[in-house]
Amino acid sequence: MVRIAIYGAAGQMGQRLLAMAADDARWGLAAAVEQPGHDGIGSETISGVPLGDQFDGDADIAVDFSTAEATSALVHQCVAWGMPMVIGTTGLTDEHERTIDQAATKIPIVQASNFSLVVAVLNRLAVQAAKLLGDEYDIEILEAHHRFKVDAPSGTAITLARTLCDALGRSFEEDVVYSRYGTEARRRAKQITVQALRLGDHVGEHTAYFAALGERLELKHVSTSRDSYARGALHAASWLMGKAPGRYSMADVLGF
């Protein structure tokens, strides 16, 4: 049995992780952690583990779906404890990413903007489509999430755009834009626009478009439940146990 500590445990993802881990004999729940001052501190979580605001490092692995600042602090703690990490927090800055890079020289870390196994496959298929179709095909990305999501575009959409830029030799900073408007808004060659919709309680949807004159290919992933993300995060945590220090992706987890 692997003892797991879940950070951001009162959030929507945290609650699903707690419930799914409690139902899986492979996992023992070591801790459910939230930020100090959270209204739920001291209450019993969906798994029966009390929600706390501190953790002493007595676990085998940490799974983090908290906030950018909380993640940054937790990374330093996990390095001190020698504890592997699964990081699903989005909205991270370049500075946060550098902190994770440095930590990954000491501990194994799987980080993903989306832990759905199908989203990992979507990224893989999008790269193949882009390489096969070439620069004559326009590429656009559209994502949709619930009205309460604080960051936009989603980390998943940004990751997809970065992946496509890397595959095609394009510049993420120069070729990716987040809006198109005005009296002269024609798309330029090699440009990729990432746009966001916020709709009610929408769990999540990502579409990559590849279009030329007369035809269009759409690669789409639609989430109907957060369980797909939680299941993928637990799959990544299981895979990470015993790995050497390093920064791993879901492509590594799936063996792409």
C-alpha atoms as a PDB file:
ATOM      1  CA  MET A   1       0.000   0.000   0.000  1.00  0.00           C
ATOM      2  CA  VAL A   2       1.258   3.468  -0.957  1.00  0.00           C
ATOM      3  CA  ARG A   3       0.479   6.255   1.523  1.00  0.00           C
ATOM      4  CA  ILE A   4      -0.629   9.387  -0.304  1.00  0.00           C
ATOM      5  CA  ALA A   5      -0.954  13.017   0.830  1.00  0.00           C
ATOM      6  CA  ILE A   6      -3.413  15.103  -1.188  1.00  0.00           C
ATOM      7  CA  TYR A   7      -2.967  18.886  -1.336  1.00  0.00           C
ATOM      8  CA  GLY A   8      -5.862  21.100  -2.359  1.00  0.00           C
ATOM      9  CA  ALA A   9      -8.038  18.397  -0.829  1.00  0.00           C
ATOM     10  CA  ALA A  10     -11.131  20.588  -0.388  1.00  0.00           C
ATOM     11  CA  GLY A  11     -11.215  21.578  -4.040  1.00  0.00           C
ATOM     12  CA  GLN A  12     -13.204  19.795  -6.714  1.00  0.00           C
ATOM     13  CA  MET A  13     -10.232  17.784  -7.914  1.00  0.00           C
ATOM     14  CA  GLY A  14      -9.034  17.127  -4.380  1.00  0.00           C
ATOM     15  CA  GLN A  15     -12.386  15.693  -3.363  1.00  0.00           C
ATOM     16  CA  ARG A  16     -12.464  13.311  -6.303  1.00  0.00           C
ATOM     17  CA  LEU A  17      -8.887  12.217  -5.599  1.00  0.00           C
ATOM     18  CA  LEU A  18      -9.778  11.512  -1.974  1.00  0.00           C
ATOM     19  CA  ALA A  19     -12.849   9.509  -2.937  1.00  0.00           C
ATOM     20  CA  MET A  20     -11.132   7.465  -5.661  1.00  0.00           C
ATOM     21  CA  ALA A  21      -8.046   6.761  -3.544  1.00  0.00           C
ATOM     22  CA  ALA A  22     -10.264   5.642  -0.643  1.00  0.00           C
ATOM     23  CA  ASP A  23     -11.964   3.129  -2.952  1.00  0.00           C
ATOM     24  CA  ASP A  24      -8.676   1.691  -4.252  1.00  0.00           C
ATOM     25  CA  ALA A  25      -6.817  -0.818  -2.071  1.00  0.00           C
ATOM     26  CA  ARG A  26      -3.475   0.284  -3.546  1.00  0.00           C
ATOM     27  CA  TRP A  27      -3.681   3.587  -1.667  1.00  0.00           C
ATOM     28  CA  GLY A  28      -3.620   4.584   1.969  1.00  0.00           C
ATOM     29  CA  LEU A  29      -4.666   8.161   2.700  1.00  0.00           C
ATOM     30  CA  ALA A  30      -1.970   9.785   4.825  1.00  0.00           C
ATOM     31  CA  ALA A  31      -3.269  13.351   4.756  1.00  0.00           C
ATOM     32  CA  ALA A  32      -5.792  15.745   3.233  1.00  0.00           C
ATOM     33  CA  VAL A  33      -4.318  19.241   3.253  1.00  0.00           C
ATOM     34  CA  GLU A  34      -5.629  22.745   2.532  1.00  0.00           C
ATOM     35  CA  GLN A  35      -4.250  26.237   2.993  1.00  0.00           C
ATOM     36  CA  PRO A  36      -4.284  27.753   6.507  1.00  0.00           C
ATOM     37  CA  GLY A  37      -7.488  29.686   7.128  1.00  0.00           C
ATOM     38  CA  HIS A  38      -9.650  27.483   4.904  1.00  0.00           C
ATOM     39  CA  ASP A  39     -13.185  27.232   6.288  1.00  0.00           C
ATOM     40  CA  GLY A  40     -13.132  23.451   6.192  1.00  0.00           C
ATOM     41  CA  ILE A  41     -10.044  22.892   8.360  1.00  0.00           C
ATOM     42  CA  GLY A  42     -10.834  20.256  10.986  1.00  0.00           C
ATOM     43  CA  SER A  43     -13.869  18.880   9.176  1.00  0.00           C
ATOM     44  CA  GLU A  44     -14.105  15.331   7.884  1.00  0.00           C
ATOM     45  CA  THR A  45     -13.484  14.930   4.146  1.00  0.00           C
ATOM     46  CA  ILE A  46     -15.416  12.705   1.752  1.00  0.00           C
ATOM     47  CA  SER A  47     -12.919   9.915   2.495  1.00  0.00           C
ATOM     48  CA  GLY A  48     -13.200  10.255   6.272  1.00  0.00           C
ATOM     49  CA  VAL A  49      -9.725  11.806   6.658  1.00  0.00           C
ATOM     50  CA  PRO A  50      -9.818  15.110   8.602  1.00  0.00           C
ATOM     51  CA  LEU A  51      -8.882  18.171   6.558  1.00  0.00           C
ATOM     52  CA  GLY A  52      -5.717  19.775   7.918  1.00  0.00           C
ATOM     53  CA  ASP A  53      -3.588  22.811   7.143  1.00  0.00           C
ATOM     54  CA  GLN A  54      -0.219  21.226   7.908  1.00  0.00           C
ATOM     55  CA  PHE A  55       1.574  18.005   7.059  1.00  0.00           C
ATOM     56  CA  ASP A  56       4.698  16.508   8.626  1.00  0.00           C
ATOM     57  CA  GLY A  57       5.903  14.567   5.578  1.00  0.00           C
ATOM     58  CA  ASP A  58       4.755  11.142   6.789  1.00  0.00           C
ATOM     59  CA  ALA A  59       3.664   9.786   3.388  1.00  0.00           C
ATOM     60  CA  ASP A  60       5.127   8.052   0.352  1.00  0.00           C
ATOM     61  CA  ILE A  61       4.000  10.590  -2.257  1.00  0.00           C
ATOM     62  CA  ALA A  62       2.282  13.978  -2.522  1.00  0.00           C
ATOM     63  CA  VAL A  63      -0.384  14.759  -5.108  1.00  0.00           C
ATOM     64  CA  ASP A  64      -0.918  18.492  -5.475  1.00  0.00           C
ATOM     65  CA  PHE A  65      -3.933  20.292  -6.964  1.00  0.00           C
ATOM     66  CA  SER A  66      -3.720  23.487  -4.923  1.00  0.00           C
ATOM     67  CA  THR A  67      -2.614  26.997  -5.935  1.00  0.00           C
ATOM     68  CA  ALA A  68       0.538  28.276  -7.588  1.00  0.00           C
ATOM     69  CA  GLU A  69       1.985  29.765  -4.397  1.00  0.00           C
ATOM     70  CA  ALA A  70       1.055  26.741  -2.299  1.00  0.00           C
ATOM     71  CA  THR A  71       2.638  24.449  -4.884  1.00  0.00           C
ATOM     72  CA  SER A  72       5.873  26.440  -4.816  1.00  0.00           C
ATOM     73  CA  ALA A  73       6.106  26.067  -1.027  1.00  0.00           C
ATOM     74  CA  LEU A  74       5.217  22.381  -1.158  1.00  0.00           C
ATOM     75  CA  VAL A  75       7.931  21.681  -3.728  1.00  0.00           C
ATOM     76  CA  HIS A  76      10.580  22.899  -1.280  1.00  0.00           C
ATOM     77  CA  GLN A  77       9.105  20.747   1.488  1.00  0.00           C
ATOM     78  CA  CYS A  78       9.032  17.628  -0.681  1.00  0.00           C
ATOM     79  CA  VAL A  79      12.676  18.124  -1.595  1.00  0.00           C
ATOM     80  CA  ALA A  80      13.530  18.295   2.113  1.00  0.00           C
ATOM     81  CA  TRP A  81      11.502  15.131   2.756  1.00  0.00           C
ATOM     82  CA  GLY A  82      12.774  13.318  -0.370  1.00  0.00           C
ATOM     83  CA  MET A  83       9.158  12.771  -1.371  1.00  0.00           C
ATOM     84  CA  PRO A  84       7.974  12.230  -4.986  1.00  0.00           C
ATOM     85  CA  MET A  85       5.354  14.672  -6.273  1.00  0.00           C
ATOM     86  CA  VAL A  86       2.506  14.702  -8.753  1.00  0.00           C
ATOM     87  CA  ILE A  87       1.671  18.311  -9.662  1.00  0.00           C
ATOM     88  CA  GLY A  88      -1.624  19.214 -11.327  1.00  0.00           C
ATOM     89  CA  THR A  89      -1.799  22.868 -10.261  1.00  0.00           C
ATOM     90  CA  THR A  90      -2.251  25.278 -13.180  1.00  0.00           C
ATOM     91  CA  GLY A  91      -1.580  29.005 -13.521  1.00  0.00           C
ATOM     92  CA  LEU A  92       2.112  28.565 -12.679  1.00  0.00           C
ATOM     93  CA  THR A  93       4.516  31.373 -13.592  1.00  0.00           C
ATOM     94  CA  ASP A  94       7.957  30.979 -15.145  1.00  0.00           C
ATOM     95  CA  GLU A  95       9.432  31.395 -11.668  1.00  0.00           C
ATOM     96  CA  HIS A  96       7.284  28.552 -10.331  1.00  0.00           C
ATOM     97  CA  GLU A  97       8.370  26.394 -13.258  1.00  0.00           C
ATOM     98  CA  ARG A  98      12.026  27.090 -12.489  1.00  0.00           C
ATOM     99  CA  THR A  99      11.421  26.032  -8.885  1.00  0.00           C
ATOM    100  CA  ILE A 100       9.993  22.738 -10.136  1.00  0.00           C
ATOM    101  CA  ASP A 101      12.936  22.275 -12.508  1.00  0.00           C
ATOM    102  CA  GLN A 102      15.373  22.692  -9.629  1.00  0.00           C
ATOM    103  CA  ALA A 103      13.401  20.328  -7.386  1.00  0.00           C
ATOM    104  CA  ALA A 104      13.336  17.681 -10.098  1.00  0.00           C
ATOM    105  CA  THR A 105      17.116  17.336  -9.803  1.00  0.00           C
ATOM    106  CA  LYS A 106      16.498  15.971  -6.297  1.00  0.00           C
ATOM    107  CA  ILE A 107      13.124  14.182  -6.450  1.00  0.00           C
ATOM    108  CA  PRO A 108      10.945  12.600  -9.162  1.00  0.00           C
ATOM    109  CA  ILE A 109       8.055  14.829 -10.275  1.00  0.00           C
ATOM    110  CA  VAL A 110       5.246  14.212 -12.729  1.00  0.00           C
ATOM    111  CA  GLN A 111       3.680  17.489 -13.801  1.00  0.00           C
ATOM    112  CA  ALA A 112       0.801  17.939 -16.203  1.00  0.00           C
ATOM    113  CA  SER A 113      -1.768  20.611 -16.921  1.00  0.00           C
ATOM    114  CA  ASN A 114      -4.257  17.798 -17.486  1.00  0.00           C
ATOM    115  CA  PHE A 115      -3.938  14.225 -16.223  1.00  0.00           C
ATOM    116  CA  SER A 116      -6.567  12.707 -18.485  1.00  0.00           C
ATOM    117  CA  LEU A 117      -5.019   9.815 -20.392  1.00  0.00           C
ATOM    118  CA  VAL A 118      -7.090  10.791 -23.422  1.00  0.00           C
ATOM    119  CA  VAL A 119      -5.750  14.360 -23.327  1.00  0.00           C
ATOM    120  CA  ALA A 120      -2.229  12.922 -23.445  1.00  0.00           C
ATOM    121  CA  VAL A 121      -3.287  10.976 -26.546  1.00  0.00           C
ATOM    122  CA  LEU A 122      -4.854  14.162 -27.989  1.00  0.00           C
ATOM    123  CA  ASN A 123      -1.488  15.935 -27.725  1.00  0.00           C
ATOM    124  CA  ARG A 124       0.205  13.008 -29.432  1.00  0.00           C
ATOM    125  CA  LEU A 125      -2.333  12.891 -32.291  1.00  0.00           C
ATOM    126  CA  ALA A 126      -2.248  16.684 -32.739  1.00  0.00           C
ATOM    127  CA  VAL A 127       1.515  16.600 -33.233  1.00  0.00           C
ATOM    128  CA  GLN A 128       1.196  13.813 -35.786  1.00  0.00           C
ATOM    129  CA  ALA A 129      -1.553  15.692 -37.654  1.00  0.00           C
ATOM    130  CA  ALA A 130       0.442  18.932 -37.678  1.00  0.00           C
ATOM    131  CA  LYS A 131       3.558  17.248 -39.053  1.00  0.00           C
ATOM    132  CA  LEU A 132       1.628  15.351 -41.707  1.00  0.00           C
ATOM    133  CA  LEU A 133      -0.430  18.327 -42.877  1.00  0.00           C
ATOM    134  CA  GLY A 134       2.307  20.965 -42.791  1.00  0.00           C
ATOM    135  CA  ASP A 135       2.212  24.747 -42.763  1.00  0.00           C
ATOM    136  CA  GLU A 136      -0.538  25.074 -45.384  1.00  0.00           C
ATOM    137  CA  TYR A 137      -3.066  24.096 -42.714  1.00  0.00           C
ATOM    138  CA  ASP A 138      -4.178  26.672 -40.165  1.00  0.00           C
ATOM    139  CA  ILE A 139      -4.075  25.568 -36.520  1.00  0.00           C
ATOM    140  CA  GLU A 140      -6.423  26.948 -33.876  1.00  0.00           C
ATOM    141  CA  ILE A 141      -7.209  25.792 -30.336  1.00  0.00           C
ATOM    142  CA  LEU A 142     -10.476  26.342 -28.474  1.00  0.00           C
ATOM    143  CA  GLU A 143     -11.127  25.384 -24.850  1.00  0.00           C
ATOM    144  CA  ALA A 144     -14.239  25.556 -22.666  1.00  0.00           C
ATOM    145  CA  HIS A 145     -14.590  25.271 -18.883  1.00  0.00           C
ATOM    146  CA  HIS A 146     -16.977  26.175 -16.065  1.00  0.00           C
ATOM    147  CA  ARG A 147     -17.641  29.771 -15.098  1.00  0.00           C
ATOM    148  CA  PHE A 148     -15.605  29.521 -11.876  1.00  0.00           C
ATOM    149  CA  LYS A 149     -12.241  28.671 -13.468  1.00  0.00           C
ATOM    150  CA  VAL A 150      -9.833  31.464 -12.532  1.00  0.00           C
ATOM    151  CA  ASP A 151      -7.122  31.105 -15.212  1.00  0.00           C
ATOM    152  CA  ALA A 152      -7.527  31.422 -18.957  1.00  0.00           C
ATOM    153  CA  PRO A 153      -6.652  29.946 -21.308  1.00  0.00           C
ATOM    154  CA  SER A 154      -6.481  26.604 -19.556  1.00  0.00           C
ATOM    155  CA  GLY A 155      -3.127  25.041 -18.804  1.00  0.00           C
ATOM    156  CA  THR A 156      -4.163  22.164 -21.062  1.00  0.00           C
ATOM    157  CA  ALA A 157      -4.703  24.483 -24.029  1.00  0.00           C
ATOM    158  CA  ILE A 158      -1.398  26.259 -23.419  1.00  0.00           C
ATOM    159  CA  THR A 159       0.406  22.920 -23.162  1.00  0.00           C
ATOM    160  CA  LEU A 160      -1.145  21.831 -26.458  1.00  0.00           C
ATOM    161  CA  ALA A 161      -0.021  25.072 -28.120  1.00  0.00           C
ATOM    162  CA  ARG A 162       3.514  24.681 -26.759  1.00  0.00           C
ATOM    163  CA  THR A 163       3.633  21.066 -27.894  1.00  0.00           C
ATOM    164  CA  LEU A 164       2.581  22.022 -31.425  1.00  0.00           C
ATOM    165  CA  CYS A 165       5.088  24.885 -31.560  1.00  0.00           C
ATOM    166  CA  ASP A 166       7.895  22.567 -30.454  1.00  0.00           C
ATOM    167  CA  ALA A 167       6.903  19.966 -33.039  1.00  0.00           C
ATOM    168  CA  LEU A 168       6.695  22.489 -35.884  1.00  0.00           C
ATOM    169  CA  GLY A 169       9.674  24.663 -34.988  1.00  0.00           C
ATOM    170  CA  ARG A 170       7.498  27.670 -34.223  1.00  0.00           C
ATOM    171  CA  SER A 171       7.961  30.262 -31.485  1.00  0.00           C
ATOM    172  CA  PHE A 172       5.412  30.049 -28.679  1.00  0.00           C
ATOM    173  CA  GLU A 173       6.099  33.666 -27.710  1.00  0.00           C
ATOM    174  CA  GLU A 174       5.760  35.013 -31.279  1.00  0.00           C
ATOM    175  CA  ASP A 175       3.286  32.679 -32.987  1.00  0.00           C
ATOM    176  CA  VAL A 176       0.695  32.024 -30.256  1.00  0.00           C
ATOM    177  CA  VAL A 177      -1.942  34.703 -29.598  1.00  0.00           C
ATOM    178  CA  TYR A 178      -5.034  34.797 -27.381  1.00  0.00           C
ATOM    179  CA  SER A 179      -7.457  37.015 -29.292  1.00  0.00           C
ATOM    180  CA  ARG A 180      -8.378  38.188 -32.765  1.00  0.00           C
ATOM    181  CA  TYR A 181     -10.404  41.359 -33.254  1.00  0.00           C
ATOM    182  CA  GLY A 182     -10.494  44.698 -35.075  1.00  0.00           C
ATOM    183  CA  THR A 183     -10.816  45.869 -38.639  1.00  0.00           C
ATOM    184  CA  GLU A 184      -7.602  44.145 -39.738  1.00  0.00           C
ATOM    185  CA  ALA A 185      -7.582  40.786 -37.983  1.00  0.00           C
ATOM    186  CA  ARG A 186      -6.600  38.356 -40.706  1.00  0.00           C
ATOM    187  CA  ARG A 187      -4.562  35.460 -39.350  1.00  0.00           C
ATOM    188  CA  ARG A 188      -0.945  35.436 -40.391  1.00  0.00           C
ATOM    189  CA  ALA A 189       0.984  32.405 -41.525  1.00  0.00           C
ATOM    190  CA  LYS A 190       2.000  29.969 -38.768  1.00  0.00           C
ATOM    191  CA  GLN A 191      -0.108  31.784 -36.161  1.00  0.00           C
ATOM    192  CA  ILE A 192      -1.965  29.702 -33.560  1.00  0.00           C
ATOM    193  CA  THR A 193      -4.806  31.340 -31.663  1.00  0.00           C
ATOM    194  CA  VAL A 194      -5.831  29.898 -28.284  1.00  0.00           C
ATOM    195  CA  GLN A 195      -9.275  31.023 -27.157  1.00  0.00           C
ATOM    196  CA  ALA A 196     -11.344  30.297 -24.041  1.00  0.00           C
ATOM    197  CA  LEU A 197     -15.043  29.898 -23.278  1.00  0.00           C
ATOM    198  CA  ARG A 198     -16.482  29.919 -19.738  1.00  0.00           C
ATOM    199  CA  LEU A 199     -19.848  28.175 -19.589  1.00  0.00           C
ATOM    200  CA  GLY A 200     -21.907  27.223 -16.550  1.00  0.00           C
ATOM    201  CA  ASP A 201     -20.661  23.977 -15.018  1.00  0.00           C
ATOM    202  CA  HIS A 202     -18.743  22.715 -18.075  1.00  0.00           C
ATOM    203  CA  VAL A 203     -16.121  20.220 -16.844  1.00  0.00           C
ATOM    204  CA  GLY A 204     -13.738  20.752 -19.745  1.00  0.00           C
ATOM    205  CA  GLU A 205     -13.371  20.589 -23.518  1.00  0.00           C
ATOM    206  CA  HIS A 206     -10.383  21.097 -25.824  1.00  0.00           C
ATOM    207  CA  THR A 207     -10.418  21.149 -29.615  1.00  0.00           C
ATOM    208  CA  ALA A 208      -7.494  21.444 -32.001  1.00  0.00           C
ATOM    209  CA  TYR A 209      -8.496  22.579 -35.502  1.00  0.00           C
ATOM    210  CA  PHE A 210      -6.434  21.955 -38.643  1.00  0.00           C
ATOM    211  CA  ALA A 211      -7.932  23.669 -41.685  1.00  0.00           C
ATOM    212  CA  ALA A 212      -7.127  24.473 -45.292  1.00  0.00           C
ATOM    213  CA  LEU A 213      -9.359  25.794 -48.054  1.00  0.00           C
ATOM    214  CA  GLY A 214     -12.125  23.235 -48.521  1.00  0.00           C
ATOM    215  CA  GLU A 215     -11.562  20.972 -45.506  1.00  0.00           C
ATOM    216  CA  ARG A 216     -11.052  20.842 -41.762  1.00  0.00           C
ATOM    217  CA  LEU A 217      -9.872  18.284 -39.212  1.00  0.00           C
ATOM    218  CA  GLU A 218     -11.006  18.570 -35.588  1.00  0.00           C
ATOM    219  CA  LEU A 219      -9.399  16.662 -32.729  1.00  0.00           C
ATOM    220  CA  LYS A 220     -11.538  17.051 -29.605  1.00  0.00           C
ATOM    221  CA  HIS A 221     -11.510  15.857 -26.016  1.00  0.00           C
ATOM    222  CA  VAL A 222     -14.632  16.339 -23.895  1.00  0.00           C
ATOM    223  CA  SER A 223     -14.675  15.701 -20.158  1.00  0.00           C
ATOM    224  CA  THR A 224     -17.983  14.696 -18.591  1.00  0.00           C
ATOM    225  CA  SER A 225     -16.528  14.109 -15.122  1.00  0.00           C
ATOM    226  CA  ARG A 226     -13.429  15.114 -13.150  1.00  0.00           C
ATOM    227  CA  ASP A 227     -12.906  11.425 -12.479  1.00  0.00           C
ATOM    228  CA  SER A 228     -10.890  11.171 -15.698  1.00  0.00           C
ATOM    229  CA  TYR A 229      -8.392  13.683 -14.296  1.00  0.00           C
ATOM    230  CA  ALA A 230      -8.276  12.061 -10.852  1.00  0.00           C
ATOM    231  CA  ARG A 231      -7.856   8.583 -12.323  1.00  0.00           C
ATOM    232  CA  GLY A 232      -4.973   9.804 -14.487  1.00  0.00           C
ATOM    233  CA  ALA A 233      -3.282  11.555 -11.548  1.00  0.00           C
ATOM    234  CA  LEU A 234      -3.420   8.374  -9.451  1.00  0.00           C
ATOM    235  CA  HIS A 235      -2.125   6.388 -12.427  1.00  0.00           C
ATOM    236  CA  ALA A 236       0.793   8.842 -12.679  1.00  0.00           C
ATOM    237  CA  ALA A 237       1.447   8.592  -8.931  1.00  0.00           C
ATOM    238  CA  SER A 238       1.595   4.804  -9.116  1.00  0.00           C
ATOM    239  CA  TRP A 239       3.976   4.987 -12.099  1.00  0.00           C
ATOM    240  CA  LEU A 240       6.225   7.524 -10.349  1.00  0.00           C
ATOM    241  CA  MET A 241       6.995   5.376  -7.308  1.00  0.00           C
ATOM    242  CA  GLY A 242      10.609   4.220  -7.418  1.00  0.00           C
ATOM    243  CA  LYS A 243      11.598   6.482 -10.326  1.00  0.00           C
ATOM    244  CA  ALA A 244      14.856   8.426 -10.376  1.00  0.00           C
ATOM    245  CA  PRO A 245      14.800  12.199  -9.807  1.00  0.00           C
ATOM    246  CA  GLY A 246      13.591  14.028 -12.879  1.00  0.00           C
ATOM    247  CA  ARG A 247      10.719  15.973 -14.355  1.00  0.00           C
ATOM    248  CA  TYR A 248       8.280  13.648 -16.097  1.00  0.00           C
ATOM    249  CA  SER A 249       5.214  14.226 -18.254  1.00  0.00           C
ATOM    250  CA  MET A 250       2.131  12.164 -19.044  1.00  0.00           C
ATOM    251  CA  ALA A 251       3.855  11.174 -22.271  1.00  0.00           C
ATOM    252  CA  ASP A 252       6.529   9.538 -20.106  1.00  0.00           C
ATOM    253  CA  VAL A 253       3.850   7.874 -17.979  1.00  0.00           C
ATOM    254  CA  LEU A 254       2.186   6.405 -21.074  1.00  0.00           C
ATOM    255  CA  GLY A 255       5.479   5.509 -22.751  1.00  0.00           C
ATOM    256  CA  PHE A 256       5.146   7.775 -25.798  1.00  0.00           C
END
